[in-house]
Protein backbone atom coordinates (compact mmCIF):
# COMPACT_ATOMS: atom_id res chain seq x y z
CA MET A 1 117.33 111.36 91.78
CA PRO A 2 115.34 108.18 92.54
CA ALA A 3 115.41 105.24 90.16
CA ARG A 4 113.14 105.69 87.15
CA ARG A 5 110.64 103.05 88.33
CA LEU A 6 110.24 104.91 91.66
CA ARG A 7 109.42 108.32 90.19
CA SER A 8 105.72 107.46 89.85
CA ARG A 9 103.25 109.19 92.17
CA SER A 10 101.39 105.89 92.54
CA LEU A 11 104.07 105.00 95.12
CA ARG A 12 104.09 106.94 98.36
CA ARG A 13 107.27 108.31 99.86
CA VAL A 14 108.04 107.24 103.43
CA TYR A 15 110.91 108.88 105.29
CA VAL A 16 112.73 106.26 107.36
CA LYS A 17 115.46 107.01 109.87
CA THR A 18 118.21 104.39 109.46
CA PRO A 19 120.39 103.03 112.30
CA GLY A 20 123.24 105.17 110.96
CA GLY A 21 121.24 108.29 111.78
CA SER A 22 120.51 109.40 108.23
CA VAL A 23 117.00 109.76 106.84
CA LYS A 24 116.30 107.80 103.66
CA VAL A 25 113.26 107.79 101.39
CA HIS A 26 111.52 104.43 100.99
CA TYR A 27 108.88 103.95 98.28
CA ARG A 28 105.84 101.92 99.26
CA LYS A 29 102.59 101.09 97.52
CA ARG A 30 99.58 103.09 98.64
CA LYS A 31 96.80 101.59 100.73
CA PRO A 32 93.61 100.58 98.93
CA LYS A 33 90.34 102.46 99.30
CA THR A 34 88.06 101.72 102.22
CA ALA A 35 85.46 98.96 101.93
CA HIS A 36 81.92 100.09 101.15
CA CYS A 37 78.46 98.67 101.80
CA GLY A 38 77.04 96.69 98.89
CA SER A 39 73.60 98.20 99.37
CA CYS A 40 73.94 101.89 100.27
CA GLY A 41 77.63 102.55 99.57
CA ALA A 42 78.48 103.71 103.10
CA VAL A 43 82.00 103.11 104.44
CA LEU A 44 82.16 99.84 106.38
CA LYS A 45 83.47 100.06 109.91
CA GLY A 46 85.72 97.38 111.39
CA ILE A 47 87.46 96.53 108.11
CA PRO A 48 91.15 97.46 107.90
CA ARG A 49 92.50 99.38 104.92
CA GLU A 50 95.43 97.13 104.07
CA ARG A 51 97.05 95.54 101.05
CA PRO A 52 96.20 91.88 100.32
CA TYR A 53 99.57 90.54 101.56
CA LYS A 54 98.96 92.12 104.98
CA MET A 55 95.30 91.03 105.06
CA ARG A 56 96.42 87.44 104.42
CA LYS A 57 98.48 87.47 107.62
CA MET A 58 95.60 88.83 109.74
CA ALA A 59 93.21 86.67 111.71
CA LYS A 60 89.76 86.24 110.19
CA THR A 61 88.15 88.12 113.11
CA LYS A 62 90.39 91.13 112.44
CA LYS A 63 89.37 91.33 108.77
CA ARG A 64 85.62 91.87 109.13
CA PRO A 65 82.87 92.17 111.82
CA GLU A 66 81.53 88.87 113.14
CA ARG A 67 77.88 89.15 112.13
CA PRO A 68 75.84 87.98 109.16
CA TYR A 69 76.91 89.79 105.98
CA GLY A 70 79.89 91.22 107.91
CA GLY A 71 82.20 92.88 105.40
CA ASN A 72 79.45 93.20 102.78
CA LEU A 73 76.63 95.22 104.36
CA CYS A 74 76.71 98.04 106.90
CA SER A 75 74.83 97.54 110.20
CA ARG A 76 71.92 99.76 109.08
CA CYS A 77 71.32 97.86 105.84
CA LEU A 78 71.69 94.53 107.67
CA ARG A 79 69.07 95.58 110.21
CA LYS A 80 66.69 96.54 107.38
CA LEU A 81 67.33 93.20 105.65
CA ILE A 82 66.67 91.15 108.80
CA ILE A 83 63.42 93.05 109.49
CA ALA A 84 62.31 92.58 105.87
CA LYS A 85 63.03 88.83 106.02
CA ALA A 86 61.17 88.51 109.35
CA ARG A 87 58.09 90.24 107.88
CA LYS A 88 57.80 87.76 104.98
């Protein structure tokens, strides 16, 4: 039986093969939900689904697309926004 704090389903079970040859269960926190567009709510591409401590170690270019509003708006909404601003 796992320790009482590890019995929660909020932790995911990962089966890890140890150097001794046995398979042990490790309990890890689940990944967060995918990032969504602030305008239409579509899933943003190019943004990893990682926990903050892993995101901190990543390079800035790996965290979001390199374009205006990258990481906040999807490409479709950004295109609409740029066209709307150009028309003003």
